[in-house]
Amino acid sequence: MKPRDLAALVLLGALWGSSFLFIRVAAPALGPAPLADARVLLAAAALAAYAVMARQRLALRARWRGYLLLGALNAALPFALVGWSALRLPASLLSTLNGAIPLFTALVAAVWLGERLTPRKIVGLLLGLVGVGVLVGWSPLALSGGVLLAVGAS
């Protein structure tokens, strides 16, 4: 890996990881729904600015229903659930649970899309779930409402 790529990866990890600290601080002050709104609006503004700079026309009229559904299910709902769970959980636990998204995605793909779970995939999922369990710990907090909201967001 080139040094520039490694630096970009470290920067991305720092930005992504620190977002849970900022969410944990902002959620009690703003509330979960306004926090989700702010995150979505900032992302929309960044994408619109990029489209203008790249001189790309946005094909919103033809696909607005799909974009609305995708935005609601892929951004607004998870962001609101993370905001609500941030009222109850530390930032470190939020980020750990969010890191489990690929595990939940594989399970949803198996159930919803009929993707075959090979023995190798099952072992990988079990190891991943055990790893998250070890990081989260086996305390009463592990099954609290905040944890369930964070898992639902992922």
N, C-alpha and C. Protein backbone atom coordinates (compact mmCIF):
# COMPACT_ATOMS: atom_id res chain seq x y z
N MET A 1 0.85 -1.17 0.00
CA MET A 1 0.00 0.00 0.00
C MET A 1 0.89 1.23 0.00
N LYS A 2 0.55 2.17 -0.84
CA LYS A 2 1.32 3.41 -0.93
C LYS A 2 1.11 4.25 0.33
N PRO A 3 2.12 5.04 0.72
CA PRO A 3 1.97 5.89 1.91
C PRO A 3 0.77 6.83 1.84
N ARG A 4 0.50 7.35 0.65
CA ARG A 4 -0.65 8.26 0.52
C ARG A 4 -1.96 7.52 0.77
N ASP A 5 -2.06 6.29 0.25
CA ASP A 5 -3.27 5.49 0.47
C ASP A 5 -3.42 5.14 1.95
N LEU A 6 -2.31 4.81 2.59
CA LEU A 6 -2.35 4.49 4.02
C LEU A 6 -2.78 5.70 4.83
N ALA A 7 -2.26 6.87 4.48
CA ALA A 7 -2.64 8.10 5.18
C ALA A 7 -4.13 8.39 4.99
N ALA A 8 -4.63 8.18 3.78
CA ALA A 8 -6.06 8.39 3.52
C ALA A 8 -6.90 7.41 4.32
N LEU A 9 -6.45 6.18 4.43
CA LEU A 9 -7.17 5.17 5.21
C LEU A 9 -7.19 5.52 6.69
N VAL A 10 -6.06 5.97 7.22
CA VAL A 10 -5.99 6.37 8.63
C VAL A 10 -6.89 7.58 8.88
N LEU A 11 -6.86 8.55 7.96
CA LEU A 11 -7.72 9.73 8.10
C LEU A 11 -9.19 9.33 8.06
N LEU A 12 -9.56 8.46 7.14
CA LEU A 12 -10.94 8.00 7.05
C LEU A 12 -11.35 7.29 8.34
N GLY A 13 -10.49 6.43 8.86
CA GLY A 13 -10.79 5.74 10.11
C GLY A 13 -10.96 6.71 11.27
N ALA A 14 -10.11 7.72 11.32
CA ALA A 14 -10.21 8.72 12.40
C ALA A 14 -11.51 9.52 12.28
N LEU A 15 -11.85 9.92 11.06
CA LEU A 15 -13.09 10.68 10.87
C LEU A 15 -14.31 9.82 11.18
N TRP A 16 -14.32 8.60 10.67
CA TRP A 16 -15.46 7.72 10.88
C TRP A 16 -15.59 7.35 12.35
N GLY A 17 -14.48 7.01 12.97
CA GLY A 17 -14.51 6.64 14.38
C GLY A 17 -14.90 7.78 15.30
N SER A 18 -14.41 8.97 15.00
CA SER A 18 -14.72 10.11 15.86
C SER A 18 -16.15 10.58 15.69
N SER A 19 -16.80 10.18 14.62
CA SER A 19 -18.19 10.62 14.42
C SER A 19 -19.09 10.16 15.56
N PHE A 20 -18.78 9.01 16.16
CA PHE A 20 -19.61 8.52 17.26
C PHE A 20 -19.41 9.35 18.52
N LEU A 21 -18.22 9.89 18.70
CA LEU A 21 -18.00 10.81 19.81
C LEU A 21 -18.85 12.07 19.61
N PHE A 22 -18.84 12.60 18.40
CA PHE A 22 -19.63 13.80 18.12
C PHE A 22 -21.13 13.52 18.22
N ILE A 23 -21.55 12.35 17.78
CA ILE A 23 -22.96 11.97 17.90
C ILE A 23 -23.35 11.87 19.36
N ARG A 24 -22.47 11.28 20.16
CA ARG A 24 -22.75 11.12 21.60
C ARG A 24 -22.88 12.48 22.28
N VAL A 25 -22.08 13.45 21.86
CA VAL A 25 -22.14 14.79 22.44
C VAL A 25 -23.37 15.55 21.91
N ALA A 26 -23.67 15.42 20.63
CA ALA A 26 -24.74 16.20 20.02
C ALA A 26 -26.14 15.65 20.30
N ALA A 27 -26.28 14.35 20.48
CA ALA A 27 -27.62 13.77 20.65
C ALA A 27 -28.38 14.34 21.84
N PRO A 28 -27.76 14.46 23.03
CA PRO A 28 -28.52 15.05 24.13
C PRO A 28 -28.85 16.53 23.90
N ALA A 29 -27.98 17.24 23.21
CA ALA A 29 -28.21 18.67 22.99
C ALA A 29 -29.26 18.94 21.92
N LEU A 30 -29.22 18.19 20.82
CA LEU A 30 -30.12 18.43 19.70
C LEU A 30 -31.36 17.54 19.71
N GLY A 31 -31.19 16.32 20.20
CA GLY A 31 -32.24 15.32 20.09
C GLY A 31 -31.95 14.41 18.91
N PRO A 32 -32.42 13.17 18.96
CA PRO A 32 -32.11 12.20 17.90
C PRO A 32 -32.61 12.59 16.51
N ALA A 33 -33.85 13.03 16.40
CA ALA A 33 -34.40 13.35 15.07
C ALA A 33 -33.73 14.57 14.44
N PRO A 34 -33.58 15.69 15.17
CA PRO A 34 -32.87 16.83 14.56
C PRO A 34 -31.41 16.49 14.22
N LEU A 35 -30.78 15.65 15.03
CA LEU A 35 -29.41 15.23 14.73
C LEU A 35 -29.38 14.44 13.42
N ALA A 36 -30.33 13.52 13.25
CA ALA A 36 -30.40 12.76 11.99
C ALA A 36 -30.66 13.70 10.82
N ASP A 37 -31.57 14.66 11.01
CA ASP A 37 -31.84 15.65 9.96
C ASP A 37 -30.58 16.41 9.58
N ALA A 38 -29.83 16.86 10.58
CA ALA A 38 -28.61 17.63 10.32
C ALA A 38 -27.59 16.80 9.56
N ARG A 39 -27.44 15.53 9.94
CA ARG A 39 -26.48 14.66 9.25
C ARG A 39 -26.87 14.47 7.79
N VAL A 40 -28.16 14.22 7.54
CA VAL A 40 -28.63 14.01 6.17
C VAL A 40 -28.50 15.29 5.35
N LEU A 41 -28.85 16.43 5.94
CA LEU A 41 -28.75 17.70 5.21
C LEU A 41 -27.30 18.06 4.89
N LEU A 42 -26.38 17.80 5.82
CA LEU A 42 -24.96 18.06 5.54
C LEU A 42 -24.46 17.17 4.41
N ALA A 43 -24.85 15.91 4.41
CA ALA A 43 -24.44 15.00 3.34
C ALA A 43 -25.03 15.44 2.01
N ALA A 44 -26.30 15.85 2.01
CA ALA A 44 -26.94 16.31 0.78
C ALA A 44 -26.24 17.56 0.24
N ALA A 45 -25.89 18.47 1.13
CA ALA A 45 -25.19 19.68 0.71
C ALA A 45 -23.82 19.35 0.11
N ALA A 46 -23.11 18.41 0.74
CA ALA A 46 -21.80 18.01 0.22
C ALA A 46 -21.93 17.35 -1.16
N LEU A 47 -22.93 16.49 -1.32
CA LEU A 47 -23.13 15.84 -2.62
C LEU A 47 -23.56 16.85 -3.69
N ALA A 48 -24.41 17.79 -3.32
CA ALA A 48 -24.83 18.82 -4.28
C ALA A 48 -23.64 19.68 -4.69
N ALA A 49 -22.80 20.05 -3.73
CA ALA A 49 -21.61 20.84 -4.05
C ALA A 49 -20.68 20.06 -4.98
N TYR A 50 -20.51 18.77 -4.71
CA TYR A 50 -19.68 17.93 -5.58
C TYR A 50 -20.26 17.87 -6.99
N ALA A 51 -21.58 17.70 -7.09
CA ALA A 51 -22.23 17.63 -8.40
C ALA A 51 -22.02 18.93 -9.18
N VAL A 52 -22.10 20.06 -8.50
CA VAL A 52 -21.88 21.35 -9.16
C VAL A 52 -20.44 21.45 -9.64
N MET A 53 -19.49 21.10 -8.77
CA MET A 53 -18.07 21.19 -9.14
C MET A 53 -17.72 20.22 -10.26
N ALA A 54 -18.34 19.04 -10.26
CA ALA A 54 -18.06 18.04 -11.29
C ALA A 54 -18.91 18.27 -12.54
N ARG A 55 -19.76 19.28 -12.49
CA ARG A 55 -20.65 19.62 -13.60
C ARG A 55 -21.53 18.43 -14.00
N GLN A 56 -22.06 17.78 -12.99
CA GLN A 56 -22.95 16.64 -13.20
C GLN A 56 -24.40 17.06 -12.96
N ARG A 57 -25.26 16.70 -13.88
CA ARG A 57 -26.69 16.94 -13.67
C ARG A 57 -27.25 15.80 -12.83
N LEU A 58 -28.06 16.15 -11.87
CA LEU A 58 -28.68 15.14 -11.03
C LEU A 58 -30.02 14.73 -11.64
N ALA A 59 -30.19 13.45 -11.84
CA ALA A 59 -31.43 12.93 -12.43
C ALA A 59 -32.44 12.65 -11.32
N LEU A 60 -32.88 13.70 -10.65
CA LEU A 60 -33.79 13.53 -9.52
C LEU A 60 -35.23 13.30 -9.95
N ARG A 61 -35.66 13.94 -10.99
CA ARG A 61 -37.08 13.85 -11.37
C ARG A 61 -37.49 12.42 -11.72
N ALA A 62 -36.68 11.75 -12.46
CA ALA A 62 -37.04 10.41 -12.93
C ALA A 62 -36.99 9.37 -11.81
N ARG A 63 -36.17 9.59 -10.82
CA ARG A 63 -35.94 8.55 -9.80
C ARG A 63 -36.23 9.01 -8.38
N TRP A 64 -36.98 10.04 -8.17
CA TRP A 64 -37.13 10.63 -6.85
C TRP A 64 -37.74 9.66 -5.84
N ARG A 65 -38.66 8.79 -6.27
CA ARG A 65 -39.27 7.84 -5.33
C ARG A 65 -38.24 6.86 -4.79
N GLY A 66 -37.42 6.34 -5.68
CA GLY A 66 -36.37 5.42 -5.26
C GLY A 66 -35.36 6.08 -4.35
N TYR A 67 -34.98 7.31 -4.69
CA TYR A 67 -34.04 8.05 -3.84
C TYR A 67 -34.63 8.32 -2.47
N LEU A 68 -35.92 8.66 -2.44
CA LEU A 68 -36.59 8.93 -1.17
C LEU A 68 -36.62 7.68 -0.30
N LEU A 69 -36.98 6.55 -0.89
CA LEU A 69 -37.02 5.29 -0.14
C LEU A 69 -35.62 4.91 0.34
N LEU A 70 -34.65 5.00 -0.53
CA LEU A 70 -33.27 4.68 -0.17
C LEU A 70 -32.77 5.59 0.94
N GLY A 71 -33.04 6.88 0.82
CA GLY A 71 -32.62 7.82 1.85
C GLY A 71 -33.28 7.56 3.19
N ALA A 72 -34.56 7.20 3.17
CA ALA A 72 -35.27 6.93 4.42
C ALA A 72 -34.74 5.67 5.09
N LEU A 73 -34.56 4.60 4.32
CA LEU A 73 -34.15 3.32 4.90
C LEU A 73 -32.65 3.22 5.14
N ASN A 74 -31.86 3.91 4.32
CA ASN A 74 -30.40 3.77 4.40
C ASN A 74 -29.71 4.88 5.16
N ALA A 75 -30.42 5.97 5.42
CA ALA A 75 -29.79 7.09 6.12
C ALA A 75 -30.65 7.60 7.26
N ALA A 76 -31.84 8.09 6.96
CA ALA A 76 -32.64 8.76 7.99
C ALA A 76 -32.98 7.83 9.15
N LEU A 77 -33.51 6.65 8.87
CA LEU A 77 -33.88 5.73 9.95
C LEU A 77 -32.67 5.27 10.76
N PRO A 78 -31.60 4.78 10.12
CA PRO A 78 -30.43 4.39 10.92
C PRO A 78 -29.83 5.56 11.70
N PHE A 79 -29.77 6.74 11.11
CA PHE A 79 -29.21 7.90 11.82
C PHE A 79 -30.05 8.25 13.03
N ALA A 80 -31.37 8.17 12.91
CA ALA A 80 -32.24 8.46 14.05
C ALA A 80 -32.07 7.40 15.14
N LEU A 81 -31.97 6.13 14.75
CA LEU A 81 -31.78 5.06 15.74
C LEU A 81 -30.44 5.21 16.45
N VAL A 82 -29.40 5.57 15.71
CA VAL A 82 -28.10 5.81 16.34
C VAL A 82 -28.19 6.99 17.30
N GLY A 83 -28.91 8.03 16.92
CA GLY A 83 -29.10 9.18 17.80
C GLY A 83 -29.80 8.80 19.09
N TRP A 84 -30.85 7.99 18.99
CA TRP A 84 -31.55 7.55 20.19
C TRP A 84 -30.67 6.65 21.06
N SER A 85 -29.92 5.76 20.43
CA SER A 85 -29.05 4.90 21.22
C SER A 85 -27.90 5.70 21.84
N ALA A 86 -27.50 6.81 21.20
CA ALA A 86 -26.43 7.65 21.76
C ALA A 86 -26.86 8.33 23.05
N LEU A 87 -28.16 8.42 23.28
CA LEU A 87 -28.63 8.99 24.55
C LEU A 87 -28.40 8.03 25.71
N ARG A 88 -28.16 6.75 25.41
CA ARG A 88 -28.07 5.73 26.44
C ARG A 88 -26.74 4.99 26.50
N LEU A 89 -25.95 5.10 25.45
CA LEU A 89 -24.72 4.30 25.36
C LEU A 89 -23.49 5.17 25.20
N PRO A 90 -22.33 4.68 25.64
CA PRO A 90 -21.09 5.41 25.39
C PRO A 90 -20.70 5.32 23.91
N ALA A 91 -19.93 6.29 23.46
CA ALA A 91 -19.51 6.36 22.06
C ALA A 91 -18.72 5.12 21.65
N SER A 92 -17.91 4.58 22.55
CA SER A 92 -17.11 3.40 22.22
C SER A 92 -18.00 2.21 21.89
N LEU A 93 -19.07 2.03 22.64
CA LEU A 93 -19.99 0.93 22.38
C LEU A 93 -20.76 1.16 21.08
N LEU A 94 -21.16 2.39 20.83
CA LEU A 94 -21.84 2.72 19.58
C LEU A 94 -20.97 2.36 18.37
N SER A 95 -19.72 2.75 18.42
CA SER A 95 -18.84 2.50 17.27
C SER A 95 -18.56 1.01 17.11
N THR A 96 -18.46 0.28 18.21
CA THR A 96 -18.23 -1.17 18.13
C THR A 96 -19.43 -1.86 17.50
N LEU A 97 -20.62 -1.50 17.94
CA LEU A 97 -21.83 -2.11 17.37
C LEU A 97 -21.98 -1.73 15.90
N ASN A 98 -21.64 -0.51 15.55
CA ASN A 98 -21.72 -0.09 14.15
C ASN A 98 -20.72 -0.87 13.29
N GLY A 99 -19.60 -1.24 13.88
CA GLY A 99 -18.62 -2.02 13.15
C GLY A 99 -19.11 -3.42 12.80
N ALA A 100 -20.20 -3.84 13.43
CA ALA A 100 -20.77 -5.16 13.16
C ALA A 100 -21.72 -5.15 11.97
N ILE A 101 -21.86 -4.03 11.29
CA ILE A 101 -22.79 -3.92 10.16
C ILE A 101 -22.57 -5.01 9.11
N PRO A 102 -21.33 -5.33 8.71
CA PRO A 102 -21.16 -6.39 7.71
C PRO A 102 -21.73 -7.74 8.17
N LEU A 103 -21.67 -8.01 9.46
CA LEU A 103 -22.22 -9.27 9.97
C LEU A 103 -23.74 -9.29 9.79
N PHE A 104 -24.39 -8.21 10.17
CA PHE A 104 -25.84 -8.14 10.04
C PHE A 104 -26.26 -8.11 8.57
N THR A 105 -25.45 -7.48 7.74
CA THR A 105 -25.75 -7.45 6.30
C THR A 105 -25.72 -8.85 5.72
N ALA A 106 -24.75 -9.66 6.13
CA ALA A 106 -24.67 -11.04 5.65
C ALA A 106 -25.89 -11.85 6.10
N LEU A 107 -26.33 -11.63 7.33
CA LEU A 107 -27.51 -12.35 7.82
C LEU A 107 -28.77 -11.93 7.07
N VAL A 108 -28.92 -10.63 6.84
CA VAL A 108 -30.08 -10.14 6.10
C VAL A 108 -30.05 -10.66 4.67
N ALA A 109 -28.88 -10.70 4.05
CA ALA A 109 -28.76 -11.21 2.68
C ALA A 109 -29.15 -12.69 2.62
N ALA A 110 -28.81 -13.44 3.65
CA ALA A 110 -29.17 -14.85 3.67
C ALA A 110 -30.68 -15.03 3.81
N VAL A 111 -31.29 -14.24 4.68
CA VAL A 111 -32.73 -14.38 4.93
C VAL A 111 -33.55 -13.76 3.80
N TRP A 112 -33.22 -12.52 3.44
CA TRP A 112 -34.05 -11.76 2.52
C TRP A 112 -33.76 -12.08 1.05
N LEU A 113 -32.48 -12.21 0.72
CA LEU A 113 -32.10 -12.42 -0.68
C LEU A 113 -31.83 -13.88 -1.02
N GLY A 114 -31.88 -14.74 0.00
CA GLY A 114 -31.65 -16.15 -0.24
C GLY A 114 -30.20 -16.49 -0.51
N GLU A 115 -29.28 -15.62 -0.12
CA GLU A 115 -27.86 -15.90 -0.33
C GLU A 115 -27.45 -17.10 0.53
N ARG A 116 -26.75 -18.02 -0.08
CA ARG A 116 -26.38 -19.25 0.60
C ARG A 116 -25.29 -18.99 1.63
N LEU A 117 -25.52 -19.50 2.84
CA LEU A 117 -24.50 -19.41 3.89
C LEU A 117 -23.67 -20.69 3.87
N THR A 118 -22.49 -20.59 3.33
CA THR A 118 -21.59 -21.74 3.29
C THR A 118 -21.01 -21.96 4.68
N PRO A 119 -20.46 -23.14 4.94
CA PRO A 119 -19.83 -23.36 6.25
C PRO A 119 -18.76 -22.32 6.57
N ARG A 120 -18.02 -21.91 5.58
CA ARG A 120 -16.99 -20.90 5.80
C ARG A 120 -17.60 -19.56 6.23
N LYS A 121 -18.70 -19.17 5.57
CA LYS A 121 -19.38 -17.93 5.94
C LYS A 121 -19.97 -18.02 7.35
N ILE A 122 -20.52 -19.17 7.69
CA ILE A 122 -21.10 -19.36 9.02
C ILE A 122 -20.02 -19.23 10.09
N VAL A 123 -18.87 -19.85 9.85
CA VAL A 123 -17.76 -19.73 10.80
C VAL A 123 -17.32 -18.27 10.92
N GLY A 124 -17.22 -17.58 9.80
CA GLY A 124 -16.84 -16.17 9.83
C GLY A 124 -17.84 -15.32 10.59
N LEU A 125 -19.13 -15.56 10.37
CA LEU A 125 -20.17 -14.82 11.10
C LEU A 125 -20.10 -15.10 12.60
N LEU A 126 -19.94 -16.37 12.95
CA LEU A 126 -19.86 -16.72 14.37
C LEU A 126 -18.64 -16.09 15.03
N LEU A 127 -17.50 -16.14 14.36
CA LEU A 127 -16.30 -15.51 14.91
C LEU A 127 -16.49 -14.00 15.05
N GLY A 128 -17.10 -13.39 14.06
CA GLY A 128 -17.37 -11.95 14.13
C GLY A 128 -18.31 -11.60 15.27
N LEU A 129 -19.38 -12.37 15.43
CA LEU A 129 -20.33 -12.11 16.52
C LEU A 129 -19.70 -12.33 17.88
N VAL A 130 -18.88 -13.37 18.00
CA VAL A 130 -18.17 -13.59 19.27
C VAL A 130 -17.20 -12.44 19.53
N GLY A 131 -16.51 -11.98 18.49
CA GLY A 131 -15.59 -10.85 18.65
C GLY A 131 -16.30 -9.59 19.12
N VAL A 132 -17.45 -9.30 18.52
CA VAL A 132 -18.23 -8.14 18.97
C VAL A 132 -18.69 -8.36 20.40
N GLY A 133 -19.12 -9.57 20.72
CA GLY A 133 -19.54 -9.88 22.08
C GLY A 133 -18.43 -9.68 23.09
N VAL A 134 -17.22 -10.07 22.73
CA VAL A 134 -16.08 -9.88 23.63
C VAL A 134 -15.80 -8.39 23.82
N LEU A 135 -15.86 -7.63 22.74
CA LEU A 135 -15.61 -6.19 22.84
C LEU A 135 -16.69 -5.47 23.63
N VAL A 136 -17.95 -5.86 23.41
CA VAL A 136 -19.06 -5.22 24.10
C VAL A 136 -19.11 -5.66 25.55
N GLY A 137 -18.81 -6.92 25.79
CA GLY A 137 -18.88 -7.46 27.14
C GLY A 137 -20.23 -8.10 27.39
N TRP A 138 -20.29 -8.88 28.43
CA TRP A 138 -21.51 -9.62 28.75
C TRP A 138 -22.16 -9.04 30.00
N SER A 139 -22.45 -7.77 29.99
CA SER A 139 -23.06 -7.12 31.14
C SER A 139 -24.55 -6.92 30.87
N PRO A 140 -25.31 -6.48 31.89
CA PRO A 140 -26.73 -6.18 31.65
C PRO A 140 -26.91 -5.10 30.58
N LEU A 141 -25.92 -4.24 30.40
CA LEU A 141 -25.97 -3.21 29.37
C LEU A 141 -26.03 -3.83 27.98
N ALA A 142 -25.52 -5.06 27.86
CA ALA A 142 -25.42 -5.69 26.55
C ALA A 142 -26.78 -5.89 25.88
N LEU A 143 -27.84 -6.01 26.64
CA LEU A 143 -29.16 -6.18 26.04
C LEU A 143 -30.11 -5.04 26.36
N SER A 144 -29.56 -3.88 26.62
CA SER A 144 -30.39 -2.72 26.94
C SER A 144 -31.07 -2.18 25.68
N GLY A 145 -32.02 -1.29 25.88
CA GLY A 145 -32.72 -0.68 24.76
C GLY A 145 -31.79 0.08 23.83
N GLY A 146 -30.79 0.74 24.41
CA GLY A 146 -29.83 1.48 23.59
C GLY A 146 -29.05 0.57 22.66
N VAL A 147 -28.65 -0.60 23.17
CA VAL A 147 -27.93 -1.56 22.34
C VAL A 147 -28.84 -2.07 21.23
N LEU A 148 -30.08 -2.38 21.57
CA LEU A 148 -31.01 -2.88 20.56
C LEU A 148 -31.28 -1.83 19.48
N LEU A 149 -31.36 -0.55 19.87
CA LEU A 149 -31.53 0.52 18.88
C LEU A 149 -30.31 0.62 17.97
N ALA A 150 -29.11 0.53 18.56
CA ALA A 150 -27.88 0.61 17.76
C ALA A 150 -27.78 -0.57 16.81
N VAL A 151 -28.15 -1.76 17.28
CA VAL A 151 -28.13 -2.94 16.41
C VAL A 151 -29.17 -2.78 15.31
N GLY A 152 -30.33 -2.26 15.65
CA GLY A 152 -31.36 -2.02 14.64
C GLY A 152 -30.91 -1.01 13.60
N ALA A 153 -30.13 -0.05 14.02
CA ALA A 153 -29.62 0.95 13.08
C ALA A 153 -28.65 0.34 12.09
N SER A 154 -27.93 -0.68 12.53
CA SER A 154 -26.97 -1.31 11.63
C SER A 154 -27.67 -2.28 10.72
